[in-house]
N, C-alpha and C. Protein backbone atom coordinates (compact mmCIF):
# COMPACT_ATOMS: atom_id res chain seq x y z
N MET A 1 -18.44 11.51 1.26
CA MET A 1 -17.03 11.92 1.22
C MET A 1 -16.94 13.42 1.42
N ALA A 2 -16.29 13.84 2.51
CA ALA A 2 -16.18 15.26 2.81
C ALA A 2 -14.75 15.77 2.81
N TYR A 3 -13.78 14.87 3.02
CA TYR A 3 -12.37 15.25 3.08
C TYR A 3 -11.55 14.29 2.21
N VAL A 4 -10.56 14.85 1.53
CA VAL A 4 -9.65 14.06 0.72
C VAL A 4 -8.22 14.40 1.12
N TYR A 5 -7.45 13.38 1.53
CA TYR A 5 -6.04 13.58 1.89
C TYR A 5 -5.16 12.98 0.78
N ASN A 6 -4.15 13.72 0.39
CA ASN A 6 -3.21 13.23 -0.62
C ASN A 6 -1.80 13.24 -0.04
N PRO A 7 -1.40 12.14 0.61
CA PRO A 7 -0.06 12.11 1.23
C PRO A 7 1.08 12.22 0.23
N ALA A 8 0.82 11.91 -1.05
CA ALA A 8 1.89 12.09 -2.05
C ALA A 8 2.25 13.56 -2.21
N GLU A 9 1.37 14.46 -1.75
CA GLU A 9 1.66 15.89 -1.78
C GLU A 9 2.21 16.37 -0.45
N TYR A 10 1.44 16.24 0.65
CA TYR A 10 1.89 16.84 1.90
C TYR A 10 2.98 16.02 2.58
N ALA A 11 3.14 14.74 2.21
CA ALA A 11 4.25 13.93 2.72
C ALA A 11 5.21 13.60 1.58
N ARG A 12 5.37 14.54 0.66
CA ARG A 12 6.16 14.30 -0.54
C ARG A 12 7.61 13.92 -0.23
N ALA A 13 8.19 14.50 0.82
CA ALA A 13 9.59 14.21 1.13
C ALA A 13 9.78 12.72 1.45
N ALA A 14 8.92 12.17 2.30
CA ALA A 14 9.03 10.76 2.67
C ALA A 14 8.65 9.86 1.50
N TYR A 15 7.58 10.20 0.80
CA TYR A 15 7.15 9.41 -0.36
C TYR A 15 8.23 9.41 -1.44
N GLY A 16 8.82 10.58 -1.68
CA GLY A 16 9.89 10.67 -2.67
C GLY A 16 11.10 9.85 -2.29
N GLU A 17 11.45 9.84 -1.00
CA GLU A 17 12.58 9.03 -0.56
C GLU A 17 12.30 7.54 -0.74
N TYR A 18 11.06 7.14 -0.46
CA TYR A 18 10.66 5.75 -0.67
C TYR A 18 10.84 5.35 -2.13
N LEU A 19 10.38 6.20 -3.04
CA LEU A 19 10.49 5.89 -4.46
C LEU A 19 11.94 5.88 -4.92
N ARG A 20 12.71 6.87 -4.49
CA ARG A 20 14.11 6.95 -4.93
C ARG A 20 14.93 5.77 -4.45
N ARG A 21 14.71 5.36 -3.21
CA ARG A 21 15.53 4.30 -2.63
C ARG A 21 15.08 2.91 -3.06
N PHE A 22 13.77 2.73 -3.23
CA PHE A 22 13.26 1.37 -3.40
C PHE A 22 12.49 1.14 -4.70
N GLY A 23 12.25 2.19 -5.48
CA GLY A 23 11.42 2.04 -6.67
C GLY A 23 12.20 2.03 -7.97
N ARG A 24 13.48 1.74 -7.92
CA ARG A 24 14.30 1.75 -9.12
C ARG A 24 14.47 0.33 -9.68
N GLY A 25 14.59 0.24 -10.98
CA GLY A 25 14.87 -1.05 -11.61
C GLY A 25 13.65 -1.93 -11.76
N ARG A 26 13.84 -3.05 -12.41
CA ARG A 26 12.74 -3.99 -12.62
C ARG A 26 12.47 -4.79 -11.34
N LYS A 27 11.21 -5.13 -11.15
CA LYS A 27 10.80 -5.92 -9.99
C LYS A 27 10.12 -7.20 -10.45
N GLU A 28 10.27 -8.22 -9.66
CA GLU A 28 9.56 -9.46 -9.95
C GLU A 28 8.10 -9.37 -9.54
N VAL A 29 7.84 -8.73 -8.39
CA VAL A 29 6.50 -8.71 -7.80
C VAL A 29 6.15 -7.29 -7.35
N VAL A 30 4.94 -6.85 -7.70
CA VAL A 30 4.36 -5.64 -7.12
C VAL A 30 3.20 -6.07 -6.24
N LEU A 31 3.29 -5.72 -4.95
CA LEU A 31 2.18 -5.92 -4.03
C LEU A 31 1.33 -4.66 -4.06
N LEU A 32 0.06 -4.80 -4.37
CA LEU A 32 -0.81 -3.65 -4.63
C LEU A 32 -1.87 -3.52 -3.55
N GLY A 33 -1.75 -2.47 -2.75
CA GLY A 33 -2.78 -2.18 -1.76
C GLY A 33 -3.91 -1.36 -2.36
N MET A 34 -4.88 -1.01 -1.53
CA MET A 34 -6.05 -0.29 -2.02
C MET A 34 -5.82 1.22 -2.01
N ASN A 35 -5.60 1.79 -0.82
CA ASN A 35 -5.36 3.23 -0.70
C ASN A 35 -4.79 3.50 0.70
N PRO A 36 -4.33 4.71 0.96
CA PRO A 36 -3.68 4.99 2.26
C PRO A 36 -4.60 4.76 3.45
N GLY A 37 -4.05 4.16 4.48
CA GLY A 37 -4.77 4.00 5.74
C GLY A 37 -4.54 5.21 6.64
N PRO A 38 -5.50 5.53 7.53
CA PRO A 38 -5.40 6.75 8.34
C PRO A 38 -4.23 6.77 9.31
N TRP A 39 -3.70 5.58 9.68
CA TRP A 39 -2.57 5.54 10.61
C TRP A 39 -1.31 5.02 9.93
N GLY A 40 -1.38 4.89 8.61
CA GLY A 40 -0.24 4.39 7.85
C GLY A 40 0.27 5.43 6.87
N MET A 41 -0.04 5.25 5.59
CA MET A 41 0.46 6.17 4.58
C MET A 41 -0.01 7.60 4.79
N VAL A 42 -1.19 7.77 5.36
CA VAL A 42 -1.67 9.12 5.67
C VAL A 42 -0.69 9.86 6.58
N GLN A 43 -0.01 9.11 7.45
CA GLN A 43 0.93 9.72 8.39
C GLN A 43 2.35 9.79 7.84
N THR A 44 2.77 8.80 7.08
CA THR A 44 4.19 8.70 6.71
C THR A 44 4.47 8.87 5.22
N GLY A 45 3.44 8.82 4.38
CA GLY A 45 3.67 8.93 2.95
C GLY A 45 4.14 7.66 2.27
N VAL A 46 4.24 6.56 3.00
CA VAL A 46 4.72 5.29 2.47
C VAL A 46 3.57 4.29 2.47
N PRO A 47 3.35 3.56 1.39
CA PRO A 47 2.27 2.57 1.37
C PRO A 47 2.35 1.59 2.54
N PHE A 48 1.22 1.35 3.18
CA PHE A 48 1.14 0.51 4.38
C PHE A 48 2.10 1.04 5.46
N GLY A 49 2.30 2.35 5.49
CA GLY A 49 3.41 2.96 6.23
C GLY A 49 3.25 3.09 7.72
N GLU A 50 3.10 1.99 8.41
CA GLU A 50 3.11 2.01 9.88
C GLU A 50 4.39 2.68 10.36
N VAL A 51 4.26 3.62 11.31
CA VAL A 51 5.36 4.52 11.66
C VAL A 51 6.63 3.78 12.02
N ARG A 52 6.54 2.80 12.91
CA ARG A 52 7.77 2.13 13.36
C ARG A 52 8.44 1.36 12.23
N ALA A 53 7.64 0.74 11.37
CA ALA A 53 8.22 -0.02 10.26
C ALA A 53 8.95 0.91 9.30
N VAL A 54 8.34 2.04 8.99
CA VAL A 54 8.97 3.00 8.07
C VAL A 54 10.22 3.60 8.69
N ARG A 55 10.12 3.99 9.94
CA ARG A 55 11.24 4.66 10.61
C ARG A 55 12.38 3.70 10.94
N ASP A 56 12.04 2.53 11.48
CA ASP A 56 13.08 1.65 12.03
C ASP A 56 13.60 0.60 11.05
N TRP A 57 12.73 0.15 10.12
CA TRP A 57 13.20 -0.87 9.16
C TRP A 57 13.56 -0.25 7.81
N LEU A 58 12.67 0.56 7.28
CA LEU A 58 12.98 1.21 6.01
C LEU A 58 13.95 2.39 6.18
N LYS A 59 14.10 2.85 7.42
CA LYS A 59 15.03 3.95 7.74
C LYS A 59 14.65 5.23 6.98
N ILE A 60 13.35 5.48 6.90
CA ILE A 60 12.86 6.72 6.32
C ILE A 60 12.25 7.56 7.42
N ARG A 61 12.69 8.78 7.51
CA ARG A 61 12.04 9.74 8.41
C ARG A 61 12.25 11.12 7.80
N ALA A 62 11.16 11.76 7.44
CA ALA A 62 11.23 13.03 6.73
C ALA A 62 10.11 13.94 7.23
N PRO A 63 10.24 15.23 7.02
CA PRO A 63 9.16 16.15 7.42
C PRO A 63 7.86 15.82 6.69
N VAL A 64 6.76 15.91 7.42
CA VAL A 64 5.44 15.65 6.85
C VAL A 64 4.57 16.87 7.12
N GLY A 65 3.96 17.40 6.06
CA GLY A 65 3.09 18.57 6.21
C GLY A 65 1.69 18.17 6.62
N ARG A 66 0.73 18.98 6.24
CA ARG A 66 -0.67 18.73 6.59
C ARG A 66 -1.54 18.83 5.34
N PRO A 67 -2.65 18.10 5.30
CA PRO A 67 -3.59 18.26 4.19
C PRO A 67 -4.16 19.67 4.15
N ALA A 68 -4.59 20.09 2.98
CA ALA A 68 -5.17 21.43 2.84
C ALA A 68 -6.40 21.59 3.73
N ARG A 69 -7.24 20.56 3.78
CA ARG A 69 -8.40 20.53 4.68
C ARG A 69 -8.26 19.29 5.54
N GLU A 70 -8.24 19.48 6.85
CA GLU A 70 -7.96 18.38 7.77
C GLU A 70 -9.13 18.20 8.73
N HIS A 71 -9.60 16.97 8.85
CA HIS A 71 -10.67 16.69 9.80
C HIS A 71 -10.12 16.78 11.21
N PRO A 72 -10.81 17.44 12.12
CA PRO A 72 -10.28 17.59 13.49
C PRO A 72 -10.06 16.27 14.22
N ARG A 73 -10.77 15.22 13.82
CA ARG A 73 -10.59 13.92 14.48
C ARG A 73 -9.59 13.03 13.74
N ARG A 74 -9.06 13.49 12.62
CA ARG A 74 -8.11 12.70 11.83
C ARG A 74 -6.92 13.58 11.45
N SER A 75 -6.28 14.11 12.48
CA SER A 75 -5.14 14.98 12.23
C SER A 75 -3.92 14.17 11.79
N VAL A 76 -3.05 14.83 11.06
CA VAL A 76 -1.82 14.20 10.59
C VAL A 76 -0.67 14.63 11.49
N ALA A 77 -0.09 13.67 12.20
CA ALA A 77 1.03 13.95 13.10
C ALA A 77 2.35 13.50 12.50
N GLY A 78 2.31 12.91 11.31
CA GLY A 78 3.54 12.44 10.68
C GLY A 78 4.20 11.34 11.50
N PHE A 79 5.51 11.42 11.62
CA PHE A 79 6.26 10.39 12.33
C PHE A 79 6.10 10.49 13.85
N ASP A 80 5.38 11.50 14.32
CA ASP A 80 5.06 11.59 15.74
C ASP A 80 3.74 10.90 16.07
N CYS A 81 3.08 10.33 15.07
CA CYS A 81 1.82 9.62 15.30
C CYS A 81 2.05 8.44 16.24
N ARG A 82 1.22 8.33 17.25
CA ARG A 82 1.37 7.27 18.24
C ARG A 82 0.51 6.05 17.96
N ARG A 83 -0.34 6.14 16.95
CA ARG A 83 -1.17 5.00 16.58
C ARG A 83 -0.37 4.07 15.68
N SER A 84 -0.64 2.79 15.78
CA SER A 84 0.02 1.80 14.91
C SER A 84 -1.00 1.24 13.94
N GLU A 85 -0.68 1.25 12.66
CA GLU A 85 -1.55 0.64 11.67
C GLU A 85 -1.25 -0.86 11.62
N VAL A 86 -2.20 -1.66 12.03
CA VAL A 86 -1.98 -3.10 12.12
C VAL A 86 -1.65 -3.69 10.76
N SER A 87 -2.37 -3.26 9.72
CA SER A 87 -2.12 -3.81 8.38
C SER A 87 -0.67 -3.57 7.96
N GLY A 88 -0.18 -2.35 8.18
CA GLY A 88 1.19 -2.03 7.81
C GLY A 88 2.20 -2.77 8.65
N ALA A 89 1.93 -2.88 9.95
CA ALA A 89 2.84 -3.61 10.83
C ALA A 89 2.94 -5.07 10.39
N ARG A 90 1.84 -5.65 9.99
CA ARG A 90 1.86 -7.05 9.57
C ARG A 90 2.59 -7.21 8.23
N LEU A 91 2.29 -6.33 7.26
CA LEU A 91 2.90 -6.49 5.94
C LEU A 91 4.41 -6.29 6.01
N TRP A 92 4.86 -5.20 6.61
CA TRP A 92 6.30 -4.95 6.68
C TRP A 92 6.98 -5.90 7.65
N GLY A 93 6.24 -6.37 8.66
CA GLY A 93 6.81 -7.38 9.55
C GLY A 93 7.07 -8.67 8.81
N TRP A 94 6.15 -9.07 7.92
CA TRP A 94 6.37 -10.26 7.10
C TRP A 94 7.57 -10.06 6.17
N ALA A 95 7.68 -8.88 5.57
CA ALA A 95 8.83 -8.61 4.69
C ALA A 95 10.14 -8.70 5.46
N ARG A 96 10.16 -8.16 6.66
CA ARG A 96 11.38 -8.21 7.48
C ARG A 96 11.70 -9.64 7.89
N GLU A 97 10.69 -10.38 8.30
CA GLU A 97 10.91 -11.77 8.73
C GLU A 97 11.39 -12.63 7.57
N SER A 98 10.86 -12.38 6.38
CA SER A 98 11.18 -13.22 5.22
C SER A 98 12.50 -12.84 4.55
N PHE A 99 12.80 -11.53 4.48
CA PHE A 99 13.95 -11.07 3.71
C PHE A 99 15.05 -10.44 4.56
N ARG A 100 14.78 -10.19 5.82
CA ARG A 100 15.75 -9.65 6.77
C ARG A 100 16.08 -8.18 6.54
N THR A 101 16.43 -7.79 5.32
CA THR A 101 16.83 -6.41 5.06
C THR A 101 15.96 -5.82 3.95
N PRO A 102 15.74 -4.49 3.96
CA PRO A 102 15.01 -3.86 2.87
C PRO A 102 15.67 -4.10 1.52
N ALA A 103 16.99 -4.10 1.46
CA ALA A 103 17.68 -4.28 0.19
C ALA A 103 17.30 -5.61 -0.45
N ARG A 104 17.25 -6.67 0.36
CA ARG A 104 16.89 -7.99 -0.19
C ARG A 104 15.43 -8.02 -0.62
N PHE A 105 14.55 -7.39 0.14
CA PHE A 105 13.13 -7.39 -0.20
C PHE A 105 12.88 -6.61 -1.50
N PHE A 106 13.43 -5.39 -1.57
CA PHE A 106 13.12 -4.53 -2.72
C PHE A 106 13.91 -4.91 -3.97
N ARG A 107 14.86 -5.80 -3.84
CA ARG A 107 15.53 -6.30 -5.04
C ARG A 107 14.52 -7.03 -5.93
N ARG A 108 13.49 -7.61 -5.33
CA ARG A 108 12.50 -8.37 -6.09
C ARG A 108 11.09 -7.82 -5.97
N PHE A 109 10.78 -7.17 -4.85
CA PHE A 109 9.41 -6.75 -4.56
C PHE A 109 9.30 -5.22 -4.53
N PHE A 110 8.08 -4.74 -4.74
CA PHE A 110 7.75 -3.34 -4.52
C PHE A 110 6.33 -3.28 -4.00
N VAL A 111 6.06 -2.32 -3.12
CA VAL A 111 4.72 -2.16 -2.53
C VAL A 111 4.16 -0.82 -3.00
N ALA A 112 2.97 -0.87 -3.58
CA ALA A 112 2.32 0.34 -4.08
C ALA A 112 0.85 0.31 -3.68
N ASN A 113 0.19 1.45 -3.83
CA ASN A 113 -1.25 1.52 -3.64
C ASN A 113 -1.93 1.81 -4.97
N TYR A 114 -3.08 1.19 -5.18
CA TYR A 114 -3.85 1.46 -6.38
C TYR A 114 -4.29 2.92 -6.42
N CYS A 115 -4.80 3.41 -5.31
CA CYS A 115 -5.27 4.80 -5.20
C CYS A 115 -4.39 5.54 -4.21
N PRO A 116 -3.91 6.76 -4.54
CA PRO A 116 -3.03 7.48 -3.64
C PRO A 116 -3.77 8.33 -2.61
N LEU A 117 -5.09 8.34 -2.66
CA LEU A 117 -5.88 9.27 -1.85
C LEU A 117 -6.60 8.55 -0.71
N ALA A 118 -6.76 9.27 0.40
CA ALA A 118 -7.58 8.79 1.52
C ALA A 118 -8.84 9.65 1.58
N PHE A 119 -9.96 9.02 1.91
CA PHE A 119 -11.25 9.71 1.91
C PHE A 119 -11.89 9.59 3.30
N LEU A 120 -12.47 10.70 3.76
CA LEU A 120 -13.12 10.73 5.06
C LEU A 120 -14.53 11.27 4.94
N ALA A 121 -15.41 10.71 5.76
CA ALA A 121 -16.77 11.24 5.86
C ALA A 121 -16.78 12.45 6.80
N THR A 122 -17.89 13.12 6.89
CA THR A 122 -18.00 14.28 7.79
C THR A 122 -17.74 13.89 9.23
N THR A 123 -18.00 12.64 9.58
CA THR A 123 -17.76 12.15 10.94
C THR A 123 -16.29 11.84 11.21
N GLY A 124 -15.49 11.81 10.15
CA GLY A 124 -14.10 11.38 10.27
C GLY A 124 -13.90 9.92 9.95
N ARG A 125 -14.99 9.21 9.64
CA ARG A 125 -14.89 7.79 9.30
C ARG A 125 -14.11 7.61 8.00
N ASN A 126 -13.21 6.64 8.00
CA ASN A 126 -12.44 6.34 6.81
C ASN A 126 -13.35 5.67 5.77
N ILE A 127 -13.27 6.15 4.51
CA ILE A 127 -14.06 5.57 3.43
C ILE A 127 -13.10 4.98 2.41
N THR A 128 -13.12 3.68 2.24
CA THR A 128 -12.24 3.05 1.25
C THR A 128 -12.85 3.21 -0.15
N PRO A 129 -12.02 3.16 -1.20
CA PRO A 129 -12.54 3.40 -2.56
C PRO A 129 -13.71 2.51 -2.96
N ASP A 130 -13.74 1.29 -2.47
CA ASP A 130 -14.84 0.40 -2.83
C ASP A 130 -16.16 0.82 -2.23
N LYS A 131 -16.12 1.74 -1.25
CA LYS A 131 -17.35 2.21 -0.60
C LYS A 131 -17.80 3.56 -1.14
N LEU A 132 -17.07 4.15 -2.09
CA LEU A 132 -17.51 5.40 -2.70
C LEU A 132 -18.73 5.15 -3.57
N SER A 133 -19.49 6.19 -3.83
CA SER A 133 -20.63 6.06 -4.72
C SER A 133 -20.14 5.78 -6.14
N ALA A 134 -21.02 5.24 -6.96
CA ALA A 134 -20.65 4.94 -8.35
C ALA A 134 -20.18 6.18 -9.08
N ALA A 135 -20.84 7.31 -8.85
CA ALA A 135 -20.46 8.56 -9.52
C ALA A 135 -19.07 9.01 -9.08
N GLU A 136 -18.77 8.85 -7.80
CA GLU A 136 -17.46 9.25 -7.28
C GLU A 136 -16.35 8.35 -7.81
N ARG A 137 -16.69 7.07 -8.04
CA ARG A 137 -15.66 6.12 -8.46
C ARG A 137 -15.24 6.27 -9.92
N VAL A 138 -16.13 6.78 -10.77
CA VAL A 138 -15.88 6.76 -12.21
C VAL A 138 -14.57 7.43 -12.58
N LEU A 139 -14.42 8.70 -12.24
CA LEU A 139 -13.20 9.42 -12.60
C LEU A 139 -12.00 8.88 -11.82
N LEU A 140 -12.25 8.44 -10.60
CA LEU A 140 -11.16 7.94 -9.77
C LEU A 140 -10.51 6.72 -10.40
N VAL A 141 -11.30 5.74 -10.79
CA VAL A 141 -10.71 4.50 -11.32
C VAL A 141 -10.05 4.74 -12.68
N GLU A 142 -10.56 5.67 -13.45
CA GLU A 142 -9.90 5.97 -14.73
C GLU A 142 -8.47 6.43 -14.49
N ALA A 143 -8.31 7.37 -13.56
CA ALA A 143 -6.97 7.90 -13.26
C ALA A 143 -6.09 6.84 -12.61
N CYS A 144 -6.66 6.09 -11.68
CA CYS A 144 -5.87 5.09 -10.96
C CYS A 144 -5.49 3.91 -11.85
N ASP A 145 -6.37 3.52 -12.75
CA ASP A 145 -6.04 2.45 -13.70
C ASP A 145 -4.84 2.87 -14.56
N GLU A 146 -4.86 4.11 -15.04
CA GLU A 146 -3.76 4.57 -15.88
C GLU A 146 -2.46 4.66 -15.08
N ALA A 147 -2.56 5.10 -13.83
CA ALA A 147 -1.36 5.16 -12.99
C ALA A 147 -0.80 3.77 -12.74
N LEU A 148 -1.66 2.78 -12.54
CA LEU A 148 -1.20 1.41 -12.35
C LEU A 148 -0.51 0.89 -13.61
N ARG A 149 -1.08 1.19 -14.76
CA ARG A 149 -0.44 0.76 -16.01
C ARG A 149 0.95 1.40 -16.15
N ALA A 150 1.07 2.66 -15.76
CA ALA A 150 2.38 3.33 -15.83
C ALA A 150 3.37 2.69 -14.88
N THR A 151 2.91 2.31 -13.69
CA THR A 151 3.78 1.63 -12.72
C THR A 151 4.28 0.31 -13.28
N VAL A 152 3.38 -0.45 -13.90
CA VAL A 152 3.76 -1.75 -14.45
C VAL A 152 4.71 -1.58 -15.63
N ARG A 153 4.48 -0.59 -16.44
CA ARG A 153 5.43 -0.35 -17.55
C ARG A 153 6.81 -0.01 -17.01
N ALA A 154 6.88 0.75 -15.92
CA ALA A 154 8.16 1.18 -15.37
C ALA A 154 8.90 0.04 -14.67
N LEU A 155 8.17 -0.79 -13.94
CA LEU A 155 8.80 -1.83 -13.12
C LEU A 155 8.84 -3.20 -13.80
N ALA A 156 8.03 -3.38 -14.83
CA ALA A 156 8.00 -4.63 -15.61
C ALA A 156 7.94 -5.87 -14.74
N PRO A 157 7.01 -5.95 -13.79
CA PRO A 157 6.95 -7.13 -12.92
C PRO A 157 6.37 -8.34 -13.63
N ARG A 158 6.71 -9.52 -13.10
CA ARG A 158 6.08 -10.75 -13.58
C ARG A 158 4.74 -10.96 -12.89
N TYR A 159 4.60 -10.44 -11.67
CA TYR A 159 3.39 -10.63 -10.88
C TYR A 159 2.92 -9.29 -10.33
N VAL A 160 1.61 -9.07 -10.37
CA VAL A 160 0.96 -8.00 -9.62
C VAL A 160 -0.03 -8.68 -8.70
N ILE A 161 0.19 -8.54 -7.41
CA ILE A 161 -0.61 -9.25 -6.42
C ILE A 161 -1.43 -8.25 -5.61
N GLY A 162 -2.74 -8.35 -5.72
CA GLY A 162 -3.61 -7.49 -4.94
C GLY A 162 -3.60 -7.89 -3.48
N VAL A 163 -3.42 -6.91 -2.61
CA VAL A 163 -3.56 -7.15 -1.17
C VAL A 163 -5.04 -6.96 -0.85
N GLY A 164 -5.78 -8.03 -1.00
CA GLY A 164 -7.23 -7.97 -0.86
C GLY A 164 -7.92 -8.02 -2.21
N ALA A 165 -9.25 -8.21 -2.17
CA ALA A 165 -10.04 -8.45 -3.38
C ALA A 165 -10.15 -7.21 -4.26
N PHE A 166 -10.32 -6.03 -3.66
CA PHE A 166 -10.52 -4.83 -4.47
C PHE A 166 -9.31 -4.55 -5.34
N ALA A 167 -8.11 -4.60 -4.76
CA ALA A 167 -6.90 -4.32 -5.54
C ALA A 167 -6.71 -5.36 -6.64
N GLU A 168 -6.99 -6.63 -6.33
CA GLU A 168 -6.88 -7.65 -7.37
C GLU A 168 -7.85 -7.37 -8.51
N CYS A 169 -9.09 -7.02 -8.18
CA CYS A 169 -10.10 -6.75 -9.20
C CYS A 169 -9.68 -5.60 -10.10
N ARG A 170 -9.20 -4.50 -9.51
CA ARG A 170 -8.79 -3.36 -10.32
C ARG A 170 -7.58 -3.70 -11.17
N ALA A 171 -6.67 -4.51 -10.65
CA ALA A 171 -5.50 -4.90 -11.44
C ALA A 171 -5.93 -5.71 -12.66
N ARG A 172 -6.89 -6.59 -12.49
CA ARG A 172 -7.35 -7.41 -13.63
C ARG A 172 -7.98 -6.54 -14.71
N VAL A 173 -8.70 -5.50 -14.30
CA VAL A 173 -9.33 -4.60 -15.27
C VAL A 173 -8.27 -3.72 -15.93
N ALA A 174 -7.45 -3.07 -15.12
CA ALA A 174 -6.48 -2.10 -15.65
C ALA A 174 -5.41 -2.75 -16.50
N LEU A 175 -5.04 -3.98 -16.16
CA LEU A 175 -3.90 -4.62 -16.82
C LEU A 175 -4.32 -5.69 -17.83
N ALA A 176 -5.56 -5.64 -18.25
CA ALA A 176 -6.01 -6.58 -19.29
C ALA A 176 -5.14 -6.40 -20.53
N GLY A 177 -4.60 -7.49 -21.02
CA GLY A 177 -3.73 -7.44 -22.19
C GLY A 177 -2.25 -7.32 -21.86
N PHE A 178 -1.92 -7.05 -20.60
CA PHE A 178 -0.52 -6.99 -20.19
C PHE A 178 0.00 -8.40 -19.93
N ASP A 179 1.27 -8.60 -20.19
CA ASP A 179 1.90 -9.89 -19.93
C ASP A 179 2.36 -9.94 -18.48
N VAL A 180 1.41 -10.13 -17.59
CA VAL A 180 1.70 -10.13 -16.16
C VAL A 180 0.72 -11.08 -15.47
N ASN A 181 1.22 -11.79 -14.47
CA ASN A 181 0.38 -12.69 -13.68
C ASN A 181 -0.26 -11.89 -12.55
N ILE A 182 -1.56 -12.05 -12.38
CA ILE A 182 -2.29 -11.30 -11.36
C ILE A 182 -2.85 -12.27 -10.33
N GLY A 183 -2.66 -11.95 -9.07
CA GLY A 183 -3.15 -12.80 -8.00
C GLY A 183 -3.62 -11.97 -6.82
N ARG A 184 -3.86 -12.67 -5.71
CA ARG A 184 -4.37 -11.99 -4.51
C ARG A 184 -3.82 -12.67 -3.27
N ILE A 185 -3.51 -11.87 -2.28
CA ILE A 185 -3.23 -12.39 -0.94
C ILE A 185 -4.25 -11.83 0.04
N LEU A 186 -4.37 -12.49 1.15
CA LEU A 186 -5.29 -12.07 2.21
C LEU A 186 -4.90 -10.69 2.72
N HIS A 187 -5.90 -9.80 2.84
CA HIS A 187 -5.61 -8.48 3.38
C HIS A 187 -5.28 -8.60 4.87
N PRO A 188 -4.26 -7.85 5.34
CA PRO A 188 -3.86 -8.01 6.75
C PRO A 188 -4.69 -7.24 7.75
N SER A 189 -5.77 -6.60 7.34
CA SER A 189 -6.58 -5.81 8.26
C SER A 189 -7.13 -6.66 9.41
N PRO A 190 -7.08 -6.16 10.63
CA PRO A 190 -7.65 -6.90 11.76
C PRO A 190 -9.17 -7.01 11.67
N ALA A 191 -9.79 -6.22 10.78
CA ALA A 191 -11.24 -6.34 10.58
C ALA A 191 -11.59 -7.63 9.85
N ASN A 192 -10.59 -8.25 9.26
CA ASN A 192 -10.78 -9.52 8.56
C ASN A 192 -10.42 -10.65 9.53
N PRO A 193 -11.38 -11.42 10.02
CA PRO A 193 -11.08 -12.45 11.03
C PRO A 193 -10.00 -13.43 10.59
N ALA A 194 -9.97 -13.78 9.31
CA ALA A 194 -8.97 -14.74 8.84
C ALA A 194 -7.55 -14.17 8.97
N ALA A 195 -7.42 -12.85 8.91
CA ALA A 195 -6.09 -12.23 9.00
C ALA A 195 -5.53 -12.27 10.42
N ASN A 196 -6.39 -12.55 11.39
CA ASN A 196 -5.94 -12.59 12.78
C ASN A 196 -5.45 -13.96 13.20
N ARG A 197 -5.40 -14.89 12.24
CA ARG A 197 -4.92 -16.24 12.53
C ARG A 197 -3.62 -16.47 11.74
N ASN A 198 -2.54 -15.94 12.25
CA ASN A 198 -1.21 -16.11 11.65
C ASN A 198 -1.20 -15.66 10.19
N TRP A 199 -1.44 -14.36 9.99
CA TRP A 199 -1.50 -13.79 8.65
C TRP A 199 -0.20 -14.06 7.88
N ALA A 200 0.94 -13.90 8.52
CA ALA A 200 2.22 -14.06 7.82
C ALA A 200 2.36 -15.47 7.25
N LYS A 201 1.98 -16.47 8.01
CA LYS A 201 2.08 -17.85 7.53
C LYS A 201 1.14 -18.07 6.36
N THR A 202 -0.07 -17.50 6.44
CA THR A 202 -1.05 -17.66 5.36
C THR A 202 -0.56 -17.05 4.06
N ILE A 203 -0.04 -15.82 4.12
CA ILE A 203 0.34 -15.21 2.86
C ILE A 203 1.66 -15.77 2.33
N ARG A 204 2.49 -16.29 3.20
CA ARG A 204 3.68 -16.98 2.69
C ARG A 204 3.26 -18.16 1.83
N ARG A 205 2.28 -18.91 2.32
CA ARG A 205 1.76 -20.04 1.54
C ARG A 205 1.12 -19.55 0.24
N GLN A 206 0.32 -18.49 0.33
CA GLN A 206 -0.36 -18.00 -0.86
C GLN A 206 0.63 -17.52 -1.93
N VAL A 207 1.65 -16.81 -1.50
CA VAL A 207 2.66 -16.31 -2.45
C VAL A 207 3.40 -17.47 -3.10
N GLN A 208 3.78 -18.45 -2.30
CA GLN A 208 4.51 -19.59 -2.86
C GLN A 208 3.64 -20.40 -3.81
N GLU A 209 2.33 -20.49 -3.55
CA GLU A 209 1.43 -21.22 -4.44
C GLU A 209 1.31 -20.55 -5.80
N MET A 210 1.64 -19.26 -5.88
CA MET A 210 1.66 -18.56 -7.17
C MET A 210 2.94 -18.83 -7.95
N GLY A 211 3.87 -19.56 -7.35
CA GLY A 211 5.12 -19.87 -8.02
C GLY A 211 6.25 -18.91 -7.71
N ILE A 212 6.07 -18.10 -6.66
CA ILE A 212 7.08 -17.11 -6.29
C ILE A 212 7.95 -17.70 -5.18
N ARG A 213 9.24 -17.74 -5.43
CA ARG A 213 10.18 -18.32 -4.46
C ARG A 213 10.45 -17.32 -3.34
N LEU A 214 10.42 -17.80 -2.12
CA LEU A 214 10.73 -16.98 -0.95
C LEU A 214 11.90 -17.57 -0.19
N PRO A 215 12.69 -16.72 0.50
CA PRO A 215 13.80 -17.25 1.29
C PRO A 215 13.30 -18.14 2.42
N GLN A 216 14.14 -19.06 2.84
CA GLN A 216 13.82 -19.87 4.01
C GLN A 216 13.89 -18.99 5.26
N THR A 217 12.94 -19.19 6.18
CA THR A 217 12.95 -18.39 7.41
C THR A 217 13.42 -19.25 8.58
């Protein structure tokens, strides 16, 4: 790990707008991602923040600064980024298809990340939290576990659903003793072969199997 990006700082305007508009009140479900992706939240400050989804569906567009130390191969272009994060496009595309409007989606759901930081190797390769060394993870998970507990206290959800195995695992550890149902949905990353076979249909089934009612599409 050679570089650490914190979009909650340099993209604070967009992240703050996301929280103000969509993070108020109690939620039925919190969808929990792992950490910012290089073409998603790293660029827009919004979890799973694929540029077009954030700009055109969530209607958020705000100035985005730069990390204090920036890898030359992983520059932050903000809302001018031309890359599309597939995971974010799939997740917000499912939300749009299922709920039609952000207001209907966020009335019951909220999307957060377990870890707010993105990590890069000297080569610019993205390093997810599960790939950090044991020594690097110790302090990180302590802080992130406490932040997750604070999120759950604030939103009082009935369900916390990990988007992928890592987020589910951390939720089970951090929220032990909380009165909340914890589950998992398939991660939408194209690196996961199963996610490339109608991901939206798969997670709709998975969510409904947990007892969560979804609108008819």
